[in-house]
Amino acid sequence: MLRRISPIHQQGKGSKEREELTRSLQEAQTALQHAYLAFDDLTEPELVESCIFEIRSLQARINYLLRRLKEQESREPQAASAGGGKRKWV
């Protein structure tokens, strides 16, 4: 996986918050995949309904986390222009 190296992203509270949001987003996406797999195997109406609620809940959480990540990116306009537009990838 490629990641951008930037001194701005490696320092400060914003990067720690971003890492936490990204980790939470990955966990929620994994949980959503598992919920879809469980939904495919269920036959009991009560369990199907429960799984639907879980899927909707996880979708709402993912939307929230994506919105938070986008808000954080918009608060860090200097990060996008760091290095004169040149970015290093590892």
PDB file of N, CA and C in Angstrom:
ATOM      1  N   MET A   1       0.844  -1.175   0.000  1.00  0.00           N
ATOM      2  CA  MET A   1       0.000   0.000   0.000  1.00  0.00           C
ATOM      3  C   MET A   1       0.886   1.233   0.000  1.00  0.00           C
ATOM      4  N   LEU A   2       0.573   2.174  -0.847  1.00  0.00           N
ATOM      5  CA  LEU A   2       1.331   3.413  -0.922  1.00  0.00           C
ATOM      6  C   LEU A   2       0.784   4.422   0.062  1.00  0.00           C
ATOM      7  N   ARG A   3       1.679   5.158   0.666  1.00  0.00           N
ATOM      8  CA  ARG A   3       1.239   6.226   1.551  1.00  0.00           C
ATOM      9  C   ARG A   3       2.110   7.437   1.306  1.00  0.00           C
ATOM     10  N   ARG A   4       1.537   8.596   1.471  1.00  0.00           N
ATOM     11  CA  ARG A   4       2.242   9.835   1.217  1.00  0.00           C
ATOM     12  C   ARG A   4       3.098  10.194   2.428  1.00  0.00           C
ATOM     13  N   ILE A   5       4.322  10.622   2.165  1.00  0.00           N
ATOM     14  CA  ILE A   5       5.202  11.085   3.230  1.00  0.00           C
ATOM     15  C   ILE A   5       5.152  12.605   3.224  1.00  0.00           C
ATOM     16  N   SER A   6       4.794  13.162   4.335  1.00  0.00           N
ATOM     17  CA  SER A   6       4.738  14.612   4.467  1.00  0.00           C
ATOM     18  C   SER A   6       5.049  14.975   5.905  1.00  0.00           C
ATOM     19  N   PRO A   7       5.924  15.944   6.133  1.00  0.00           N
ATOM     20  CA  PRO A   7       6.212  16.328   7.509  1.00  0.00           C
ATOM     21  C   PRO A   7       4.990  16.870   8.222  1.00  0.00           C
ATOM     22  N   ILE A   8       4.080  17.445   7.487  1.00  0.00           N
ATOM     23  CA  ILE A   8       2.872  17.998   8.105  1.00  0.00           C
ATOM     24  C   ILE A   8       1.979  16.868   8.590  1.00  0.00           C
ATOM     25  N   HIS A   9       1.851  15.810   7.789  1.00  0.00           N
ATOM     26  CA  HIS A   9       1.001  14.688   8.178  1.00  0.00           C
ATOM     27  C   HIS A   9       1.600  13.863   9.300  1.00  0.00           C
ATOM     28  N   GLN A  10       2.892  13.928   9.480  1.00  0.00           N
ATOM     29  CA  GLN A  10       3.537  13.116  10.496  1.00  0.00           C
ATOM     30  C   GLN A  10       3.563  13.796  11.850  1.00  0.00           C
ATOM     31  N   GLN A  11       3.166  15.035  11.939  1.00  0.00           N
ATOM     32  CA  GLN A  11       3.223  15.758  13.202  1.00  0.00           C
ATOM     33  C   GLN A  11       1.834  16.198  13.612  1.00  0.00           C
ATOM     34  N   GLY A  12       1.694  16.461  14.895  1.00  0.00           N
ATOM     35  CA  GLY A  12       0.524  17.150  15.400  1.00  0.00           C
ATOM     36  C   GLY A  12      -0.684  16.281  15.661  1.00  0.00           C
ATOM     37  N   LYS A  13      -1.663  16.937  16.249  1.00  0.00           N
ATOM     38  CA  LYS A  13      -2.903  16.279  16.650  1.00  0.00           C
ATOM     39  C   LYS A  13      -3.704  15.808  15.455  1.00  0.00           C
ATOM     40  N   GLY A  14      -3.686  16.596  14.386  1.00  0.00           N
ATOM     41  CA  GLY A  14      -4.479  16.264  13.209  1.00  0.00           C
ATOM     42  C   GLY A  14      -4.137  14.920  12.627  1.00  0.00           C
ATOM     43  N   SER A  15      -2.850  14.584  12.594  1.00  0.00           N
ATOM     44  CA  SER A  15      -2.470  13.307  12.015  1.00  0.00           C
ATOM     45  C   SER A  15      -2.897  12.144  12.914  1.00  0.00           C
ATOM     46  N   LYS A  16      -2.826  12.328  14.230  1.00  0.00           N
ATOM     47  CA  LYS A  16      -3.271  11.273  15.139  1.00  0.00           C
ATOM     48  C   LYS A  16      -4.773  11.055  15.011  1.00  0.00           C
ATOM     49  N   GLU A  17      -5.513  12.152  14.912  1.00  0.00           N
ATOM     50  CA  GLU A  17      -6.966  12.041  14.747  1.00  0.00           C
ATOM     51  C   GLU A  17      -7.290  11.370  13.416  1.00  0.00           C
ATOM     52  N   ARG A  18      -6.557  11.740  12.385  1.00  0.00           N
ATOM     53  CA  ARG A  18      -6.782  11.153  11.064  1.00  0.00           C
ATOM     54  C   ARG A  18      -6.497   9.653  11.086  1.00  0.00           C
ATOM     55  N   GLU A  19      -5.406   9.252  11.753  1.00  0.00           N
ATOM     56  CA  GLU A  19      -5.079   7.837  11.861  1.00  0.00           C
ATOM     57  C   GLU A  19      -6.183   7.082  12.593  1.00  0.00           C
ATOM     58  N   GLU A  20      -6.699   7.666  13.653  1.00  0.00           N
ATOM     59  CA  GLU A  20      -7.777   7.030  14.422  1.00  0.00           C
ATOM     60  C   GLU A  20      -9.043   6.908  13.569  1.00  0.00           C
ATOM     61  N   LEU A  21      -9.372   7.965  12.823  1.00  0.00           N
ATOM     62  CA  LEU A  21     -10.548   7.925  11.956  1.00  0.00           C
ATOM     63  C   LEU A  21     -10.378   6.869  10.861  1.00  0.00           C
ATOM     64  N   THR A  22      -9.192   6.813  10.297  1.00  0.00           N
ATOM     65  CA  THR A  22      -8.925   5.836   9.239  1.00  0.00           C
ATOM     66  C   THR A  22      -9.020   4.411   9.777  1.00  0.00           C
ATOM     67  N   ARG A  23      -8.456   4.187  10.968  1.00  0.00           N
ATOM     68  CA  ARG A  23      -8.532   2.859  11.581  1.00  0.00           C
ATOM     69  C   ARG A  23      -9.983   2.481  11.865  1.00  0.00           C
ATOM     70  N   SER A  24     -10.751   3.428  12.394  1.00  0.00           N
ATOM     71  CA  SER A  24     -12.166   3.165  12.679  1.00  0.00           C
ATOM     72  C   SER A  24     -12.939   2.882  11.401  1.00  0.00           C
ATOM     73  N   LEU A  25     -12.610   3.605  10.348  1.00  0.00           N
ATOM     74  CA  LEU A  25     -13.275   3.387   9.064  1.00  0.00           C
ATOM     75  C   LEU A  25     -12.976   1.987   8.533  1.00  0.00           C
ATOM     76  N   GLN A  26     -11.727   1.560   8.616  1.00  0.00           N
ATOM     77  CA  GLN A  26     -11.372   0.219   8.152  1.00  0.00           C
ATOM     78  C   GLN A  26     -12.081  -0.859   8.967  1.00  0.00           C
ATOM     79  N   GLU A  27     -12.168  -0.655  10.268  1.00  0.00           N
ATOM     80  CA  GLU A  27     -12.866  -1.625  11.124  1.00  0.00           C
ATOM     81  C   GLU A  27     -14.350  -1.689  10.778  1.00  0.00           C
ATOM     82  N   ALA A  28     -14.962  -0.529  10.532  1.00  0.00           N
ATOM     83  CA  ALA A  28     -16.382  -0.499  10.191  1.00  0.00           C
ATOM     84  C   ALA A  28     -16.632  -1.154   8.835  1.00  0.00           C
ATOM     85  N   GLN A  29     -15.731  -0.947   7.883  1.00  0.00           N
ATOM     86  CA  GLN A  29     -15.885  -1.576   6.573  1.00  0.00           C
ATOM     87  C   GLN A  29     -15.760  -3.099   6.675  1.00  0.00           C
ATOM     88  N   THR A  30     -14.839  -3.559   7.511  1.00  0.00           N
ATOM     89  CA  THR A  30     -14.689  -5.003   7.719  1.00  0.00           C
ATOM     90  C   THR A  30     -15.943  -5.579   8.379  1.00  0.00           C
ATOM     91  N   ALA A  31     -16.449  -4.874   9.383  1.00  0.00           N
ATOM     92  CA  ALA A  31     -17.665  -5.321  10.056  1.00  0.00           C
ATOM     93  C   ALA A  31     -18.848  -5.345   9.089  1.00  0.00           C
ATOM     94  N   LEU A  32     -18.912  -4.388   8.181  1.00  0.00           N
ATOM     95  CA  LEU A  32     -19.996  -4.358   7.194  1.00  0.00           C
ATOM     96  C   LEU A  32     -19.901  -5.560   6.253  1.00  0.00           C
ATOM     97  N   GLN A  33     -18.697  -5.906   5.846  1.00  0.00           N
ATOM     98  CA  GLN A  33     -18.521  -7.088   4.999  1.00  0.00           C
ATOM     99  C   GLN A  33     -19.003  -8.347   5.720  1.00  0.00           C
ATOM    100  N   HIS A  34     -18.674  -8.454   6.999  1.00  0.00           N
ATOM    101  CA  HIS A  34     -19.111  -9.611   7.785  1.00  0.00           C
ATOM    102  C   HIS A  34     -20.637  -9.622   7.947  1.00  0.00           C
ATOM    103  N   ALA A  35     -21.216  -8.441   8.124  1.00  0.00           N
ATOM    104  CA  ALA A  35     -22.672  -8.365   8.273  1.00  0.00           C
ATOM    105  C   ALA A  35     -23.373  -8.788   6.983  1.00  0.00           C
ATOM    106  N   TYR A  36     -22.817  -8.398   5.835  1.00  0.00           N
ATOM    107  CA  TYR A  36     -23.399  -8.835   4.555  1.00  0.00           C
ATOM    108  C   TYR A  36     -23.284 -10.352   4.396  1.00  0.00           C
ATOM    109  N   LEU A  37     -22.148 -10.916   4.789  1.00  0.00           N
ATOM    110  CA  LEU A  37     -21.980 -12.375   4.705  1.00  0.00           C
ATOM    111  C   LEU A  37     -22.982 -13.086   5.617  1.00  0.00           C
ATOM    112  N   ALA A  38     -23.172 -12.563   6.815  1.00  0.00           N
ATOM    113  CA  ALA A  38     -24.137 -13.158   7.742  1.00  0.00           C
ATOM    114  C   ALA A  38     -25.547 -13.052   7.183  1.00  0.00           C
ATOM    115  N   PHE A  39     -25.863 -11.912   6.587  1.00  0.00           N
ATOM    116  CA  PHE A  39     -27.195 -11.703   6.013  1.00  0.00           C
ATOM    117  C   PHE A  39     -27.490 -12.741   4.935  1.00  0.00           C
ATOM    118  N   ASP A  40     -26.484 -13.056   4.123  1.00  0.00           N
ATOM    119  CA  ASP A  40     -26.667 -14.020   3.038  1.00  0.00           C
ATOM    120  C   ASP A  40     -26.985 -15.424   3.547  1.00  0.00           C
ATOM    121  N   ASP A  41     -26.552 -15.735   4.763  1.00  0.00           N
ATOM    122  CA  ASP A  41     -26.733 -17.094   5.293  1.00  0.00           C
ATOM    123  C   ASP A  41     -27.957 -17.252   6.194  1.00  0.00           C
ATOM    124  N   LEU A  42     -28.616 -16.175   6.551  1.00  0.00           N
ATOM    125  CA  LEU A  42     -29.717 -16.244   7.516  1.00  0.00           C
ATOM    126  C   LEU A  42     -31.028 -16.644   6.858  1.00  0.00           C
ATOM    127  N   THR A  43     -31.850 -17.356   7.650  1.00  0.00           N
ATOM    128  CA  THR A  43     -33.177 -17.743   7.174  1.00  0.00           C
ATOM    129  C   THR A  43     -34.274 -17.322   8.159  1.00  0.00           C
ATOM    130  N   GLU A  44     -33.932 -17.168   9.424  1.00  0.00           N
ATOM    131  CA  GLU A  44     -34.915 -16.775  10.434  1.00  0.00           C
ATOM    132  C   GLU A  44     -35.284 -15.301  10.274  1.00  0.00           C
ATOM    133  N   PRO A  45     -36.572 -14.981  10.196  1.00  0.00           N
ATOM    134  CA  PRO A  45     -36.993 -13.591   9.972  1.00  0.00           C
ATOM    135  C   PRO A  45     -36.454 -12.596  11.013  1.00  0.00           C
ATOM    136  N   GLU A  46     -36.401 -13.002  12.276  1.00  0.00           N
ATOM    137  CA  GLU A  46     -35.921 -12.100  13.319  1.00  0.00           C
ATOM    138  C   GLU A  46     -34.438 -11.789  13.129  1.00  0.00           C
ATOM    139  N   LEU A  47     -33.682 -12.817  12.748  1.00  0.00           N
ATOM    140  CA  LEU A  47     -32.248 -12.619  12.539  1.00  0.00           C
ATOM    141  C   LEU A  47     -31.973 -11.799  11.285  1.00  0.00           C
ATOM    142  N   VAL A  48     -32.779 -12.001  10.258  1.00  0.00           N
ATOM    143  CA  VAL A  48     -32.642 -11.196   9.043  1.00  0.00           C
ATOM    144  C   VAL A  48     -32.891  -9.734   9.367  1.00  0.00           C
ATOM    145  N   GLU A  49     -33.948  -9.459  10.129  1.00  0.00           N
ATOM    146  CA  GLU A  49     -34.264  -8.086  10.513  1.00  0.00           C
ATOM    147  C   GLU A  49     -33.128  -7.483  11.347  1.00  0.00           C
ATOM    148  N   SER A  50     -32.603  -8.254  12.273  1.00  0.00           N
ATOM    149  CA  SER A  50     -31.489  -7.791  13.100  1.00  0.00           C
ATOM    150  C   SER A  50     -30.272  -7.461  12.247  1.00  0.00           C
ATOM    151  N   CYS A  51     -30.002  -8.301  11.280  1.00  0.00           N
ATOM    152  CA  CYS A  51     -28.855  -8.090  10.399  1.00  0.00           C
ATOM    153  C   CYS A  51     -29.043  -6.837   9.542  1.00  0.00           C
ATOM    154  N   ILE A  52     -30.266  -6.601   9.104  1.00  0.00           N
ATOM    155  CA  ILE A  52     -30.554  -5.395   8.324  1.00  0.00           C
ATOM    156  C   ILE A  52     -30.285  -4.149   9.166  1.00  0.00           C
ATOM    157  N   PHE A  53     -30.697  -4.163  10.429  1.00  0.00           N
ATOM    158  CA  PHE A  53     -30.423  -3.025  11.312  1.00  0.00           C
ATOM    159  C   PHE A  53     -28.921  -2.832  11.505  1.00  0.00           C
ATOM    160  N   GLU A  54     -28.200  -3.943  11.646  1.00  0.00           N
ATOM    161  CA  GLU A  54     -26.744  -3.851  11.822  1.00  0.00           C
ATOM    162  C   GLU A  54     -26.086  -3.260  10.574  1.00  0.00           C
ATOM    163  N   ILE A  55     -26.518  -3.696   9.409  1.00  0.00           N
ATOM    164  CA  ILE A  55     -25.969  -3.175   8.153  1.00  0.00           C
ATOM    165  C   ILE A  55     -26.236  -1.683   8.033  1.00  0.00           C
ATOM    166  N   ARG A  56     -27.454  -1.271   8.313  1.00  0.00           N
ATOM    167  CA  ARG A  56     -27.788   0.157   8.233  1.00  0.00           C
ATOM    168  C   ARG A  56     -26.987   0.974   9.242  1.00  0.00           C
ATOM    169  N   SER A  57     -26.809   0.426  10.425  1.00  0.00           N
ATOM    170  CA  SER A  57     -26.023   1.103  11.452  1.00  0.00           C
ATOM    171  C   SER A  57     -24.574   1.284  10.999  1.00  0.00           C
ATOM    172  N   LEU A  58     -23.995   0.234  10.448  1.00  0.00           N
ATOM    173  CA  LEU A  58     -22.610   0.306   9.983  1.00  0.00           C
ATOM    174  C   LEU A  58     -22.472   1.262   8.798  1.00  0.00           C
ATOM    175  N   GLN A  59     -23.459   1.280   7.922  1.00  0.00           N
ATOM    176  CA  GLN A  59     -23.423   2.220   6.804  1.00  0.00           C
ATOM    177  C   GLN A  59     -23.456   3.661   7.311  1.00  0.00           C
ATOM    178  N   ALA A  60     -24.281   3.922   8.317  1.00  0.00           N
ATOM    179  CA  ALA A  60     -24.348   5.260   8.899  1.00  0.00           C
ATOM    180  C   ALA A  60     -23.022   5.626   9.552  1.00  0.00           C
ATOM    181  N   ARG A  61     -22.410   4.678  10.240  1.00  0.00           N
ATOM    182  CA  ARG A  61     -21.106   4.933  10.872  1.00  0.00           C
ATOM    183  C   ARG A  61     -20.036   5.227   9.830  1.00  0.00           C
ATOM    184  N   ILE A  62     -20.022   4.469   8.754  1.00  0.00           N
ATOM    185  CA  ILE A  62     -19.050   4.697   7.682  1.00  0.00           C
ATOM    186  C   ILE A  62     -19.256   6.081   7.068  1.00  0.00           C
ATOM    187  N   ASN A  63     -20.495   6.448   6.815  1.00  0.00           N
ATOM    188  CA  ASN A  63     -20.775   7.779   6.266  1.00  0.00           C
ATOM    189  C   ASN A  63     -20.286   8.878   7.199  1.00  0.00           C
ATOM    190  N   TYR A  64     -20.513   8.694   8.504  1.00  0.00           N
ATOM    191  CA  TYR A  64     -20.054   9.667   9.499  1.00  0.00           C
ATOM    192  C   TYR A  64     -18.531   9.791   9.478  1.00  0.00           C
ATOM    193  N   LEU A  65     -17.838   8.656   9.474  1.00  0.00           N
ATOM    194  CA  LEU A  65     -16.378   8.679   9.487  1.00  0.00           C
ATOM    195  C   LEU A  65     -15.817   9.304   8.212  1.00  0.00           C
ATOM    196  N   LEU A  66     -16.418   9.009   7.079  1.00  0.00           N
ATOM    197  CA  LEU A  66     -15.986   9.629   5.827  1.00  0.00           C
ATOM    198  C   LEU A  66     -16.186  11.142   5.863  1.00  0.00           C
ATOM    199  N   ARG A  67     -17.317  11.560   6.402  1.00  0.00           N
ATOM    200  CA  ARG A  67     -17.596  12.996   6.528  1.00  0.00           C
ATOM    201  C   ARG A  67     -16.562  13.674   7.430  1.00  0.00           C
ATOM    202  N   ARG A  68     -16.210  13.019   8.548  1.00  0.00           N
ATOM    203  CA  ARG A  68     -15.200  13.569   9.464  1.00  0.00           C
ATOM    204  C   ARG A  68     -13.832  13.672   8.791  1.00  0.00           C
ATOM    205  N   LEU A  69     -13.460  12.632   8.020  1.00  0.00           N
ATOM    206  CA  LEU A  69     -12.179  12.669   7.317  1.00  0.00           C
ATOM    207  C   LEU A  69     -12.139  13.801   6.296  1.00  0.00           C
ATOM    208  N   LYS A  70     -13.225  13.996   5.569  1.00  0.00           N
ATOM    209  CA  LYS A  70     -13.284  15.077   4.586  1.00  0.00           C
ATOM    210  C   LYS A  70     -13.227  16.439   5.255  1.00  0.00           C
ATOM    211  N   GLU A  71     -13.899  16.588   6.393  1.00  0.00           N
ATOM    212  CA  GLU A  71     -13.847  17.849   7.135  1.00  0.00           C
ATOM    213  C   GLU A  71     -12.428  18.123   7.603  1.00  0.00           C
ATOM    214  N   GLN A  72     -11.753  17.112   8.066  1.00  0.00           N
ATOM    215  CA  GLN A  72     -10.385  17.285   8.539  1.00  0.00           C
ATOM    216  C   GLN A  72      -9.468  17.684   7.391  1.00  0.00           C
ATOM    217  N   GLU A  73      -9.645  17.087   6.231  1.00  0.00           N
ATOM    218  CA  GLU A  73      -8.837  17.450   5.065  1.00  0.00           C
ATOM    219  C   GLU A  73      -9.070  18.897   4.666  1.00  0.00           C
ATOM    220  N   SER A  74     -10.309  19.354   4.771  1.00  0.00           N
ATOM    221  CA  SER A  74     -10.593  20.739   4.394  1.00  0.00           C
ATOM    222  C   SER A  74     -10.025  21.729   5.405  1.00  0.00           C
ATOM    223  N   ARG A  75      -9.812  21.283   6.657  1.00  0.00           N
ATOM    224  CA  ARG A  75      -9.208  22.155   7.671  1.00  0.00           C
ATOM    225  C   ARG A  75      -7.698  22.233   7.539  1.00  0.00           C
ATOM    226  N   GLU A  76      -7.104  21.364   6.739  1.00  0.00           N
ATOM    227  CA  GLU A  76      -5.662  21.333   6.564  1.00  0.00           C
ATOM    228  C   GLU A  76      -5.297  21.692   5.124  1.00  0.00           C
ATOM    229  N   PRO A  77      -5.609  22.903   4.667  1.00  0.00           N
ATOM    230  CA  PRO A  77      -5.324  23.249   3.270  1.00  0.00           C
ATOM    231  C   PRO A  77      -3.838  23.319   2.970  1.00  0.00           C
ATOM    232  N   GLN A  78      -3.002  23.680   3.951  1.00  0.00           N
ATOM    233  CA  GLN A  78      -1.572  23.757   3.721  1.00  0.00           C
ATOM    234  C   GLN A  78      -0.963  22.382   3.502  1.00  0.00           C
ATOM    235  N   ALA A  79      -1.578  21.336   4.006  1.00  0.00           N
ATOM    236  CA  ALA A  79      -1.049  19.988   3.842  1.00  0.00           C
ATOM    237  C   ALA A  79      -1.083  19.562   2.374  1.00  0.00           C
ATOM    238  N   ALA A  80      -2.108  19.967   1.667  1.00  0.00           N
ATOM    239  CA  ALA A  80      -2.235  19.582   0.264  1.00  0.00           C
ATOM    240  C   ALA A  80      -1.193  20.270  -0.599  1.00  0.00           C
ATOM    241  N   SER A  81      -0.754  21.468  -0.203  1.00  0.00           N
ATOM    242  CA  SER A  81       0.203  22.199  -1.020  1.00  0.00           C
ATOM    243  C   SER A  81       1.616  22.107  -0.484  1.00  0.00           C
ATOM    244  N   ALA A  82       1.856  21.277   0.519  1.00  0.00           N
ATOM    245  CA  ALA A  82       3.193  21.138   1.092  1.00  0.00           C
ATOM    246  C   ALA A  82       4.156  20.588   0.049  1.00  0.00           C
ATOM    247  N   GLY A  83       5.354  21.143   0.009  1.00  0.00           N
ATOM    248  CA  GLY A  83       6.366  20.652  -0.919  1.00  0.00           C
ATOM    249  C   GLY A  83       6.150  21.129  -2.335  1.00  0.00           C
ATOM    250  N   GLY A  84       5.384  22.185  -2.513  1.00  0.00           N
ATOM    251  CA  GLY A  84       5.183  22.729  -3.858  1.00  0.00           C
ATOM    252  C   GLY A  84       4.447  21.772  -4.761  1.00  0.00           C
ATOM    253  N   GLY A  85       3.604  20.940  -4.210  1.00  0.00           N
ATOM    254  CA  GLY A  85       2.831  20.012  -5.020  1.00  0.00           C
ATOM    255  C   GLY A  85       3.551  18.700  -5.302  1.00  0.00           C
ATOM    256  N   LYS A  86       4.810  18.609  -4.874  1.00  0.00           N
ATOM    257  CA  LYS A  86       5.552  17.370  -5.076  1.00  0.00           C
ATOM    258  C   LYS A  86       5.306  16.463  -3.892  1.00  0.00           C
ATOM    259  N   ARG A  87       4.930  15.241  -4.167  1.00  0.00           N
ATOM    260  CA  ARG A  87       4.647  14.292  -3.111  1.00  0.00           C
ATOM    261  C   ARG A  87       5.530  13.075  -3.260  1.00  0.00           C
ATOM    262  N   LYS A  88       5.953  12.533  -2.154  1.00  0.00           N
ATOM    263  CA  LYS A  88       6.751  11.308  -2.164  1.00  0.00           C
ATOM    264  C   LYS A  88       5.851  10.158  -1.752  1.00  0.00           C
ATOM    265  N   TRP A  89       5.981   9.036  -2.417  1.00  0.00           N
ATOM    266  CA  TRP A  89       5.186   7.856  -2.099  1.00  0.00           C
ATOM    267  C   TRP A  89       6.124   6.722  -1.722  1.00  0.00           C
ATOM    268  N   VAL A  90       5.709   5.972  -0.754  1.00  0.00           N
ATOM    269  CA  VAL A  90       6.526   4.845  -0.298  1.00  0.00           C
ATOM    270  C   VAL A  90       5.778   3.549  -0.551  1.00  0.00           C
TER     271      VAL A  90
END
